[in-house]
PDB file of N, CA and C in Angstrom:
ATOM      1  N   UNK A   1     -27.245  19.201  54.836  1.00  0.00           N
ATOM      2  CA  UNK A   1     -28.416  19.931  54.265  1.00  0.00           C
ATOM      3  C   UNK A   1     -28.184  21.445  54.153  1.00  0.00           C
ATOM      4  N   UNK A   2     -27.517  21.944  55.205  1.00  0.00           N
ATOM      5  CA  UNK A   2     -27.252  23.488  55.175  1.00  0.00           C
ATOM      6  C   UNK A   2     -26.383  23.882  54.001  1.00  0.00           C
ATOM      7  N   UNK A   3     -25.308  23.043  53.740  1.00  0.00           N
ATOM      8  CA  UNK A   3     -24.445  23.362  52.636  1.00  0.00           C
ATOM      9  C   UNK A   3     -25.124  23.267  51.375  1.00  0.00           C
ATOM     10  N   UNK A   4     -26.045  22.182  51.216  1.00  0.00           N
ATOM     11  CA  UNK A   4     -26.801  22.036  50.005  1.00  0.00           C
ATOM     12  C   UNK A   4     -27.719  23.268  49.825  1.00  0.00           C
ATOM     13  N   UNK A   5     -28.351  23.669  50.883  1.00  0.00           N
ATOM     14  CA  UNK A   5     -29.224  24.861  50.792  1.00  0.00           C
ATOM     15  C   UNK A   5     -28.462  26.089  50.386  1.00  0.00           C
ATOM     16  N   UNK A   6     -27.291  26.302  50.983  1.00  0.00           N
ATOM     17  CA  UNK A   6     -26.493  27.518  50.611  1.00  0.00           C
ATOM     18  C   UNK A   6     -26.032  27.449  49.177  1.00  0.00           C
ATOM     19  N   UNK A   7     -25.708  26.259  48.667  1.00  0.00           N
ATOM     20  CA  UNK A   7     -25.329  26.157  47.251  1.00  0.00           C
ATOM     21  C   UNK A   7     -26.490  26.431  46.424  1.00  0.00           C
ATOM     22  N   UNK A   8     -27.653  25.945  46.716  1.00  0.00           N
ATOM     23  CA  UNK A   8     -28.826  26.147  45.964  1.00  0.00           C
ATOM     24  C   UNK A   8     -29.225  27.537  45.905  1.00  0.00           C
ATOM     25  N   UNK A   9     -29.133  28.286  47.016  1.00  0.00           N
ATOM     26  CA  UNK A   9     -29.449  29.651  47.092  1.00  0.00           C
ATOM     27  C   UNK A   9     -28.432  30.535  46.286  1.00  0.00           C
ATOM     28  N   UNK A  10     -27.104  30.137  46.377  1.00  0.00           N
ATOM     29  CA  UNK A  10     -26.181  30.831  45.616  1.00  0.00           C
ATOM     30  C   UNK A  10     -26.445  30.708  44.185  1.00  0.00           C
ATOM     31  N   UNK A  11     -26.781  29.475  43.753  1.00  0.00           N
ATOM     32  CA  UNK A  11     -27.100  29.198  42.366  1.00  0.00           C
ATOM     33  C   UNK A  11     -28.396  29.972  41.929  1.00  0.00           C
ATOM     34  N   UNK A  12     -29.325  30.103  42.796  1.00  0.00           N
ATOM     35  CA  UNK A  12     -30.563  30.847  42.434  1.00  0.00           C
ATOM     36  C   UNK A  12     -30.376  32.283  42.343  1.00  0.00           C
ATOM     37  N   UNK A  13     -29.311  32.842  42.964  1.00  0.00           N
ATOM     38  CA  UNK A  13     -29.043  34.222  42.821  1.00  0.00           C
ATOM     39  C   UNK A  13     -28.195  34.544  41.665  1.00  0.00           C
ATOM     40  N   UNK A  14     -28.000  33.502  40.736  1.00  0.00           N
ATOM     41  CA  UNK A  14     -27.278  33.732  39.539  1.00  0.00           C
ATOM     42  C   UNK A  14     -28.249  34.532  38.663  1.00  0.00           C
ATOM     43  N   UNK A  15     -27.988  35.799  38.462  1.00  0.00           N
ATOM     44  CA  UNK A  15     -28.967  36.741  37.872  1.00  0.00           C
ATOM     45  C   UNK A  15     -28.568  37.164  36.408  1.00  0.00           C
ATOM     46  N   UNK A  16     -29.153  36.540  35.429  1.00  0.00           N
ATOM     47  CA  UNK A  16     -28.846  37.063  34.116  1.00  0.00           C
ATOM     48  C   UNK A  16     -29.655  38.325  33.749  1.00  0.00           C
ATOM     49  N   UNK A  17     -28.936  39.275  33.247  1.00  0.00           N
ATOM     50  CA  UNK A  17     -29.523  40.537  32.980  1.00  0.00           C
ATOM     51  C   UNK A  17     -28.877  41.083  31.685  1.00  0.00           C
ATOM     52  N   UNK A  18     -29.632  41.753  30.934  1.00  0.00           N
ATOM     53  CA  UNK A  18     -29.002  42.354  29.723  1.00  0.00           C
ATOM     54  C   UNK A  18     -28.249  43.659  30.145  1.00  0.00           C
ATOM     55  N   UNK A  19     -26.962  43.732  29.731  1.00  0.00           N
ATOM     56  CA  UNK A  19     -26.233  44.800  30.190  1.00  0.00           C
ATOM     57  C   UNK A  19     -26.196  46.067  29.416  1.00  0.00           C
ATOM     58  N   UNK A  20     -26.171  46.002  28.074  1.00  0.00           N
ATOM     59  CA  UNK A  20     -26.180  47.222  27.330  1.00  0.00           C
ATOM     60  C   UNK A  20     -27.237  47.238  26.327  1.00  0.00           C
ATOM     61  N   UNK A  21     -27.866  48.407  26.156  1.00  0.00           N
ATOM     62  CA  UNK A  21     -29.044  48.554  25.325  1.00  0.00           C
ATOM     63  C   UNK A  21     -28.678  48.228  23.815  1.00  0.00           C
ATOM     64  N   UNK A  22     -27.439  48.543  23.401  1.00  0.00           N
ATOM     65  CA  UNK A  22     -27.020  48.362  22.097  1.00  0.00           C
ATOM     66  C   UNK A  22     -26.591  46.967  21.804  1.00  0.00           C
ATOM     67  N   UNK A  23     -25.745  46.378  22.623  1.00  0.00           N
ATOM     68  CA  UNK A  23     -25.250  45.131  22.477  1.00  0.00           C
ATOM     69  C   UNK A  23     -26.091  44.049  23.205  1.00  0.00           C
ATOM     70  N   UNK A  24     -26.617  44.517  24.384  1.00  0.00           N
ATOM     71  CA  UNK A  24     -27.436  43.651  25.245  1.00  0.00           C
ATOM     72  C   UNK A  24     -26.684  42.343  25.676  1.00  0.00           C
ATOM     73  N   UNK A  25     -25.443  42.547  26.176  1.00  0.00           N
ATOM     74  CA  UNK A  25     -24.701  41.426  26.700  1.00  0.00           C
ATOM     75  C   UNK A  25     -25.317  40.922  28.003  1.00  0.00           C
ATOM     76  N   UNK A  26     -25.555  39.658  28.147  1.00  0.00           N
ATOM     77  CA  UNK A  26     -25.993  39.129  29.392  1.00  0.00           C
ATOM     78  C   UNK A  26     -24.892  39.117  30.502  1.00  0.00           C
ATOM     79  N   UNK A  27     -25.206  39.573  31.656  1.00  0.00           N
ATOM     80  CA  UNK A  27     -24.318  39.609  32.779  1.00  0.00           C
ATOM     81  C   UNK A  27     -24.918  38.832  33.906  1.00  0.00           C
ATOM     82  N   UNK A  28     -24.116  38.376  34.836  1.00  0.00           N
ATOM     83  CA  UNK A  28     -24.708  37.681  36.020  1.00  0.00           C
ATOM     84  C   UNK A  28     -23.849  38.109  37.209  1.00  0.00           C
ATOM     85  N   UNK A  29     -24.427  37.810  38.396  1.00  0.00           N
ATOM     86  CA  UNK A  29     -23.746  38.092  39.651  1.00  0.00           C
ATOM     87  C   UNK A  29     -24.282  37.094  40.678  1.00  0.00           C
ATOM     88  N   UNK A  30     -23.377  36.715  41.615  1.00  0.00           N
ATOM     89  CA  UNK A  30     -23.665  35.829  42.704  1.00  0.00           C
ATOM     90  C   UNK A  30     -23.402  36.435  44.030  1.00  0.00           C
ATOM     91  N   UNK A  31     -24.358  36.319  44.994  1.00  0.00           N
ATOM     92  CA  UNK A  31     -24.093  36.834  46.329  1.00  0.00           C
ATOM     93  C   UNK A  31     -24.334  35.634  47.277  1.00  0.00           C
ATOM     94  N   UNK A  32     -23.353  35.342  48.028  1.00  0.00           N
ATOM     95  CA  UNK A  32     -23.420  34.197  48.964  1.00  0.00           C
ATOM     96  C   UNK A  32     -24.299  34.680  50.229  1.00  0.00           C
ATOM     97  N   UNK A  33     -25.107  33.773  50.564  1.00  0.00           N
ATOM     98  CA  UNK A  33     -25.993  34.058  51.713  1.00  0.00           C
ATOM     99  C   UNK A  33     -26.094  32.911  52.669  1.00  0.00           C
ATOM    100  N   UNK A  34     -25.276  31.869  52.476  1.00  0.00           N
ATOM    101  CA  UNK A  34     -25.316  30.729  53.356  1.00  0.00           C
ATOM    102  C   UNK A  34     -25.085  30.968  54.839  1.00  0.00           C
ATOM    103  N   UNK A  35     -24.348  32.019  55.117  1.00  0.00           N
ATOM    104  CA  UNK A  35     -24.063  32.271  56.462  1.00  0.00           C
ATOM    105  C   UNK A  35     -25.076  33.237  57.062  1.00  0.00           C
ATOM    106  N   UNK A  36     -26.205  33.601  56.399  1.00  0.00           N
ATOM    107  CA  UNK A  36     -27.119  34.634  56.932  1.00  0.00           C
ATOM    108  C   UNK A  36     -28.455  34.078  57.178  1.00  0.00           C
ATOM    109  N   UNK A  37     -29.080  34.566  58.150  1.00  0.00           N
ATOM    110  CA  UNK A  37     -30.484  34.229  58.552  1.00  0.00           C
ATOM    111  C   UNK A  37     -31.329  35.317  57.994  1.00  0.00           C
ATOM    112  N   UNK A  38     -32.045  35.104  56.888  1.00  0.00           N
ATOM    113  CA  UNK A  38     -32.775  36.170  56.270  1.00  0.00           C
ATOM    114  C   UNK A  38     -34.005  36.647  57.074  1.00  0.00           C
ATOM    115  N   UNK A  39     -34.359  36.012  58.154  1.00  0.00           N
ATOM    116  CA  UNK A  39     -35.404  36.394  59.033  1.00  0.00           C
ATOM    117  C   UNK A  39     -34.959  37.526  59.989  1.00  0.00           C
ATOM    118  N   UNK A  40     -33.629  37.770  59.950  1.00  0.00           N
ATOM    119  CA  UNK A  40     -33.093  38.865  60.804  1.00  0.00           C
ATOM    120  C   UNK A  40     -32.798  40.096  59.944  1.00  0.00           C
ATOM    121  N   UNK A  41     -33.288  41.243  60.409  1.00  0.00           N
ATOM    122  CA  UNK A  41     -33.145  42.486  59.647  1.00  0.00           C
ATOM    123  C   UNK A  41     -31.591  42.834  59.352  1.00  0.00           C
ATOM    124  N   UNK A  42     -30.757  42.587  60.401  1.00  0.00           N
ATOM    125  CA  UNK A  42     -29.378  42.926  60.161  1.00  0.00           C
ATOM    126  C   UNK A  42     -28.732  41.977  59.207  1.00  0.00           C
ATOM    127  N   UNK A  43     -29.148  40.789  59.089  1.00  0.00           N
ATOM    128  CA  UNK A  43     -28.607  39.855  58.105  1.00  0.00           C
ATOM    129  C   UNK A  43     -29.046  40.219  56.719  1.00  0.00           C
ATOM    130  N   UNK A  44     -30.370  40.677  56.621  1.00  0.00           N
ATOM    131  CA  UNK A  44     -30.954  41.120  55.313  1.00  0.00           C
ATOM    132  C   UNK A  44     -30.138  42.337  54.823  1.00  0.00           C
ATOM    133  N   UNK A  45     -29.756  43.171  55.730  1.00  0.00           N
ATOM    134  CA  UNK A  45     -28.905  44.407  55.409  1.00  0.00           C
ATOM    135  C   UNK A  45     -27.501  43.962  54.886  1.00  0.00           C
ATOM    136  N   UNK A  46     -26.953  42.945  55.564  1.00  0.00           N
ATOM    137  CA  UNK A  46     -25.671  42.363  55.037  1.00  0.00           C
ATOM    138  C   UNK A  46     -25.826  41.840  53.602  1.00  0.00           C
ATOM    139  N   UNK A  47     -26.908  41.092  53.336  1.00  0.00           N
ATOM    140  CA  UNK A  47     -27.214  40.567  51.992  1.00  0.00           C
ATOM    141  C   UNK A  47     -27.366  41.667  51.009  1.00  0.00           C
ATOM    142  N   UNK A  48     -28.130  42.672  51.323  1.00  0.00           N
ATOM    143  CA  UNK A  48     -28.332  43.922  50.526  1.00  0.00           C
ATOM    144  C   UNK A  48     -26.945  44.482  50.150  1.00  0.00           C
ATOM    145  N   UNK A  49     -26.089  44.616  51.046  1.00  0.00           N
ATOM    146  CA  UNK A  49     -24.795  45.219  50.819  1.00  0.00           C
ATOM    147  C   UNK A  49     -23.985  44.296  49.910  1.00  0.00           C
ATOM    148  N   UNK A  50     -24.019  43.031  50.060  1.00  0.00           N
ATOM    149  CA  UNK A  50     -23.364  42.044  49.192  1.00  0.00           C
ATOM    150  C   UNK A  50     -23.897  42.128  47.741  1.00  0.00           C
ATOM    151  N   UNK A  51     -25.206  42.254  47.718  1.00  0.00           N
ATOM    152  CA  UNK A  51     -25.855  42.305  46.400  1.00  0.00           C
ATOM    153  C   UNK A  51     -25.517  43.606  45.684  1.00  0.00           C
ATOM    154  N   UNK A  52     -25.508  44.723  46.388  1.00  0.00           N
ATOM    155  CA  UNK A  52     -25.115  46.005  45.809  1.00  0.00           C
ATOM    156  C   UNK A  52     -23.680  45.958  45.209  1.00  0.00           C
ATOM    157  N   UNK A  53     -22.701  45.302  46.003  1.00  0.00           N
ATOM    158  CA  UNK A  53     -21.391  45.164  45.465  1.00  0.00           C
ATOM    159  C   UNK A  53     -21.398  44.221  44.189  1.00  0.00           C
ATOM    160  N   UNK A  54     -22.092  43.117  44.266  1.00  0.00           N
ATOM    161  CA  UNK A  54     -22.160  42.246  43.085  1.00  0.00           C
ATOM    162  C   UNK A  54     -22.714  42.854  41.920  1.00  0.00           C
ATOM    163  N   UNK A  55     -23.772  43.588  42.083  1.00  0.00           N
ATOM    164  CA  UNK A  55     -24.507  44.372  40.962  1.00  0.00           C
ATOM    165  C   UNK A  55     -23.550  45.406  40.383  1.00  0.00           C
ATOM    166  N   UNK A  56     -22.833  46.125  41.180  1.00  0.00           N
ATOM    167  CA  UNK A  56     -21.937  47.178  40.766  1.00  0.00           C
ATOM    168  C   UNK A  56     -20.798  46.495  39.939  1.00  0.00           C
ATOM    169  N   UNK A  57     -20.301  45.402  40.386  1.00  0.00           N
ATOM    170  CA  UNK A  57     -19.239  44.670  39.657  1.00  0.00           C
ATOM    171  C   UNK A  57     -19.735  44.205  38.295  1.00  0.00           C
ATOM    172  N   UNK A  58     -20.907  43.642  38.310  1.00  0.00           N
ATOM    173  CA  UNK A  58     -21.449  42.992  37.088  1.00  0.00           C
ATOM    174  C   UNK A  58     -21.883  43.997  36.028  1.00  0.00           C
ATOM    175  N   UNK A  59     -22.458  45.082  36.472  1.00  0.00           N
ATOM    176  CA  UNK A  59     -23.028  46.110  35.555  1.00  0.00           C
ATOM    177  C   UNK A  59     -21.937  47.203  35.135  1.00  0.00           C
ATOM    178  N   UNK A  60     -20.881  47.245  35.854  1.00  0.00           N
ATOM    179  CA  UNK A  60     -19.853  48.229  35.534  1.00  0.00           C
ATOM    180  C   UNK A  60     -19.985  49.495  36.140  1.00  0.00           C
ATOM    181  N   UNK A  61     -19.006  50.369  36.079  1.00  0.00           N
ATOM    182  CA  UNK A  61     -18.934  51.588  36.805  1.00  0.00           C
ATOM    183  C   UNK A  61     -19.744  52.653  36.043  1.00  0.00           C
ATOM    184  N   UNK A  62     -20.067  53.723  36.768  1.00  0.00           N
ATOM    185  CA  UNK A  62     -20.613  54.954  36.175  1.00  0.00           C
ATOM    186  C   UNK A  62     -19.569  55.762  35.566  1.00  0.00           C
ATOM    187  N   UNK A  63     -19.765  56.356  34.485  1.00  0.00           N
ATOM    188  CA  UNK A  63     -18.780  57.131  33.754  1.00  0.00           C
ATOM    189  C   UNK A  63     -19.339  58.470  33.339  1.00  0.00           C
ATOM    190  N   UNK A  64     -18.549  59.244  32.495  1.00  0.00           N
ATOM    191  CA  UNK A  64     -19.033  60.471  31.965  1.00  0.00           C
ATOM    192  C   UNK A  64     -19.888  60.355  30.815  1.00  0.00           C
ATOM    193  N   UNK A  65     -20.041  59.149  30.294  1.00  0.00           N
ATOM    194  CA  UNK A  65     -20.872  58.853  29.100  1.00  0.00           C
ATOM    195  C   UNK A  65     -22.316  58.685  29.518  1.00  0.00           C
ATOM    196  N   UNK A  66     -23.175  59.609  29.049  1.00  0.00           N
ATOM    197  CA  UNK A  66     -24.572  59.510  29.525  1.00  0.00           C
ATOM    198  C   UNK A  66     -25.301  58.327  29.043  1.00  0.00           C
ATOM    199  N   UNK A  67     -25.024  57.813  27.832  1.00  0.00           N
ATOM    200  CA  UNK A  67     -25.592  56.633  27.306  1.00  0.00           C
ATOM    201  C   UNK A  67     -25.148  55.389  28.041  1.00  0.00           C
ATOM    202  N   UNK A  68     -23.884  55.404  28.293  1.00  0.00           N
ATOM    203  CA  UNK A  68     -23.342  54.270  29.102  1.00  0.00           C
ATOM    204  C   UNK A  68     -23.888  54.261  30.516  1.00  0.00           C
ATOM    205  N   UNK A  69     -24.028  55.403  31.074  1.00  0.00           N
ATOM    206  CA  UNK A  69     -24.660  55.442  32.441  1.00  0.00           C
ATOM    207  C   UNK A  69     -26.066  55.015  32.472  1.00  0.00           C
ATOM    208  N   UNK A  70     -26.826  55.356  31.387  1.00  0.00           N
ATOM    209  CA  UNK A  70     -28.197  54.871  31.320  1.00  0.00           C
ATOM    210  C   UNK A  70     -28.269  53.302  31.226  1.00  0.00           C
ATOM    211  N   UNK A  71     -27.273  52.723  30.468  1.00  0.00           N
ATOM    212  CA  UNK A  71     -27.306  51.322  30.410  1.00  0.00           C
ATOM    213  C   UNK A  71     -26.843  50.657  31.693  1.00  0.00           C
ATOM    214  N   UNK A  72     -25.920  51.319  32.439  1.00  0.00           N
ATOM    215  CA  UNK A  72     -25.472  50.793  33.708  1.00  0.00           C
ATOM    216  C   UNK A  72     -26.666  50.886  34.666  1.00  0.00           C
ATOM    217  N   UNK A  73     -27.413  52.026  34.690  1.00  0.00           N
ATOM    218  CA  UNK A  73     -28.514  52.174  35.583  1.00  0.00           C
ATOM    219  C   UNK A  73     -29.582  51.118  35.289  1.00  0.00           C
ATOM    220  N   UNK A  74     -29.842  50.864  34.032  1.00  0.00           N
ATOM    221  CA  UNK A  74     -30.897  49.856  33.680  1.00  0.00           C
ATOM    222  C   UNK A  74     -30.489  48.447  34.086  1.00  0.00           C
ATOM    223  N   UNK A  75     -29.200  48.159  33.890  1.00  0.00           N
ATOM    224  CA  UNK A  75     -28.631  46.834  34.371  1.00  0.00           C
ATOM    225  C   UNK A  75     -28.872  46.769  35.798  1.00  0.00           C
ATOM    226  N   UNK A  76     -28.447  47.720  36.537  1.00  0.00           N
ATOM    227  CA  UNK A  76     -28.514  47.604  38.004  1.00  0.00           C
ATOM    228  C   UNK A  76     -29.973  47.572  38.507  1.00  0.00           C
ATOM    229  N   UNK A  77     -30.830  48.247  37.904  1.00  0.00           N
ATOM    230  CA  UNK A  77     -32.270  48.160  38.205  1.00  0.00           C
ATOM    231  C   UNK A  77     -32.824  46.761  38.032  1.00  0.00           C
ATOM    232  N   UNK A  78     -32.504  46.254  36.769  1.00  0.00           N
ATOM    233  CA  UNK A  78     -32.969  44.881  36.460  1.00  0.00           C
ATOM    234  C   UNK A  78     -32.406  43.827  37.359  1.00  0.00           C
ATOM    235  N   UNK A  79     -31.104  43.949  37.728  1.00  0.00           N
ATOM    236  CA  UNK A  79     -30.574  43.023  38.550  1.00  0.00           C
ATOM    237  C   UNK A  79     -31.144  43.052  40.019  1.00  0.00           C
ATOM    238  N   UNK A  80     -31.374  44.280  40.481  1.00  0.00           N
ATOM    239  CA  UNK A  80     -31.894  44.390  41.871  1.00  0.00           C
ATOM    240  C   UNK A  80     -33.345  43.863  41.963  1.00  0.00           C
ATOM    241  N   UNK A  81     -34.120  44.132  40.874  1.00  0.00           N
ATOM    242  CA  UNK A  81     -35.500  43.651  40.825  1.00  0.00           C
ATOM    243  C   UNK A  81     -35.559  42.163  40.793  1.00  0.00           C
ATOM    244  N   UNK A  82     -34.632  41.574  40.068  1.00  0.00           N
ATOM    245  CA  UNK A  82     -34.575  40.125  39.981  1.00  0.00           C
ATOM    246  C   UNK A  82     -34.200  39.461  41.244  1.00  0.00           C
ATOM    247  N   UNK A  83     -33.195  40.102  41.888  1.00  0.00           N
ATOM    248  CA  UNK A  83     -32.759  39.638  43.276  1.00  0.00           C
ATOM    249  C   UNK A  83     -33.856  39.806  44.334  1.00  0.00           C
ATOM    250  N   UNK A  84     -34.556  40.873  44.172  1.00  0.00           N
ATOM    251  CA  UNK A  84     -35.607  41.116  45.196  1.00  0.00           C
ATOM    252  C   UNK A  84     -36.692  40.038  45.152  1.00  0.00           C
ATOM    253  N   UNK A  85     -37.007  39.587  43.954  1.00  0.00           N
ATOM    254  CA  UNK A  85     -38.014  38.456  43.806  1.00  0.00           C
ATOM    255  C   UNK A  85     -37.491  37.144  44.401  1.00  0.00           C
ATOM    256  N   UNK A  86     -36.277  36.938  44.093  1.00  0.00           N
ATOM    257  CA  UNK A  86     -35.644  35.618  44.597  1.00  0.00           C
ATOM    258  C   UNK A  86     -35.442  35.698  46.103  1.00  0.00           C
ATOM    259  N   UNK A  87     -35.128  36.840  46.655  1.00  0.00           N
ATOM    260  CA  UNK A  87     -34.957  36.892  48.126  1.00  0.00           C
ATOM    261  C   UNK A  87     -36.312  36.820  48.795  1.00  0.00           C
ATOM    262  N   UNK A  88     -37.392  37.411  48.225  1.00  0.00           N
ATOM    263  CA  UNK A  88     -38.723  37.401  48.840  1.00  0.00           C
ATOM    264  C   UNK A  88     -39.182  35.884  48.791  1.00  0.00           C
ATOM    265  N   UNK A  89     -38.791  35.041  47.835  1.00  0.00           N
ATOM    266  CA  UNK A  89     -39.211  33.731  47.818  1.00  0.00           C
ATOM    267  C   UNK A  89     -38.474  32.938  48.942  1.00  0.00           C
ATOM    268  N   UNK A  90     -37.172  33.335  49.201  1.00  0.00           N
ATOM    269  CA  UNK A  90     -36.414  32.733  50.266  1.00  0.00           C
ATOM    270  C   UNK A  90     -36.951  33.021  51.655  1.00  0.00           C
ATOM    271  N   UNK A  91     -37.446  34.173  51.866  1.00  0.00           N
ATOM    272  CA  UNK A  91     -37.842  34.636  53.139  1.00  0.00           C
ATOM    273  C   UNK A  91     -39.293  34.290  53.371  1.00  0.00           C
ATOM    274  N   UNK A  92     -40.139  34.022  52.378  1.00  0.00           N
ATOM    275  CA  UNK A  92     -41.517  33.691  52.522  1.00  0.00           C
ATOM    276  C   UNK A  92     -41.723  32.588  53.447  1.00  0.00           C
ATOM    277  N   UNK A  93     -42.746  32.796  54.346  1.00  0.00           N
ATOM    278  CA  UNK A  93     -43.163  31.613  55.231  1.00  0.00           C
ATOM    279  C   UNK A  93     -44.082  30.655  54.501  1.00  0.00           C
ATOM    280  N   UNK A  94     -43.915  29.364  54.823  1.00  0.00           N
ATOM    281  CA  UNK A  94     -44.829  28.418  54.245  1.00  0.00           C
ATOM    282  C   UNK A  94     -46.265  28.782  54.627  1.00  0.00           C
ATOM    283  N   UNK A  95     -47.197  28.539  53.651  1.00  0.00           N
ATOM    284  CA  UNK A  95     -48.560  28.790  53.964  1.00  0.00           C
ATOM    285  C   UNK A  95     -49.335  27.514  54.164  1.00  0.00           C
ATOM    286  N   UNK A  96     -50.061  27.397  55.335  1.00  0.00           N
ATOM    287  CA  UNK A  96     -50.853  26.151  55.613  1.00  0.00           C
ATOM    288  C   UNK A  96     -52.213  26.387  54.982  1.00  0.00           C
ATOM    289  N   UNK A  97     -52.586  25.450  54.258  1.00  0.00           N
ATOM    290  CA  UNK A  97     -53.901  25.455  53.541  1.00  0.00           C
ATOM    291  C   UNK A  97     -54.952  24.689  54.381  1.00  0.00           C
ATOM    292  N   UNK A  98     -56.124  25.244  54.472  1.00  0.00           N
ATOM    293  CA  UNK A  98     -57.181  24.439  55.247  1.00  0.00           C
ATOM    294  C   UNK A  98     -57.651  23.364  54.346  1.00  0.00           C
ATOM    295  N   UNK A  99     -57.945  22.335  54.988  1.00  0.00           N
ATOM    296  CA  UNK A  99     -58.508  21.069  54.332  1.00  0.00           C
ATOM    297  C   UNK A  99     -59.958  20.962  54.589  1.00  0.00           C
ATOM    298  N   UNK A 100     -60.593  20.236  53.657  1.00  0.00           N
ATOM    299  CA  UNK A 100     -61.991  20.010  53.715  1.00  0.00           C
ATOM    300  C   UNK A 100     -62.349  18.808  54.600  1.00  0.00           C
ATOM    301  N   UNK A 101     -61.342  18.088  54.958  1.00  0.00           N
ATOM    302  CA  UNK A 101     -61.556  16.871  55.688  1.00  0.00           C
ATOM    303  C   UNK A 101     -61.538  17.029  57.128  1.00  0.00           C
TER     304      UNK A 101
END
């Protein structure tokens, strides 16, 4: 079950994002989290570091070209926002609903 969950999470962190404003090439990145307990702050920090490296690889380096840098910054912003939503869903505690019965 744990391997299945790790594979599902890794697949869910597959983050399509538009890379360039002119061409708008889709890019994606995967960050493995199967070995982390996201209820622990130190493990969330490790996942953040993994995500930052994956985002940097996927979106490309910063250069001297201001337009390219704006595209890289937008790509990184979109990928981090997408990852934040997916991680929040992973960390969320199940909610027990009251019943009328």
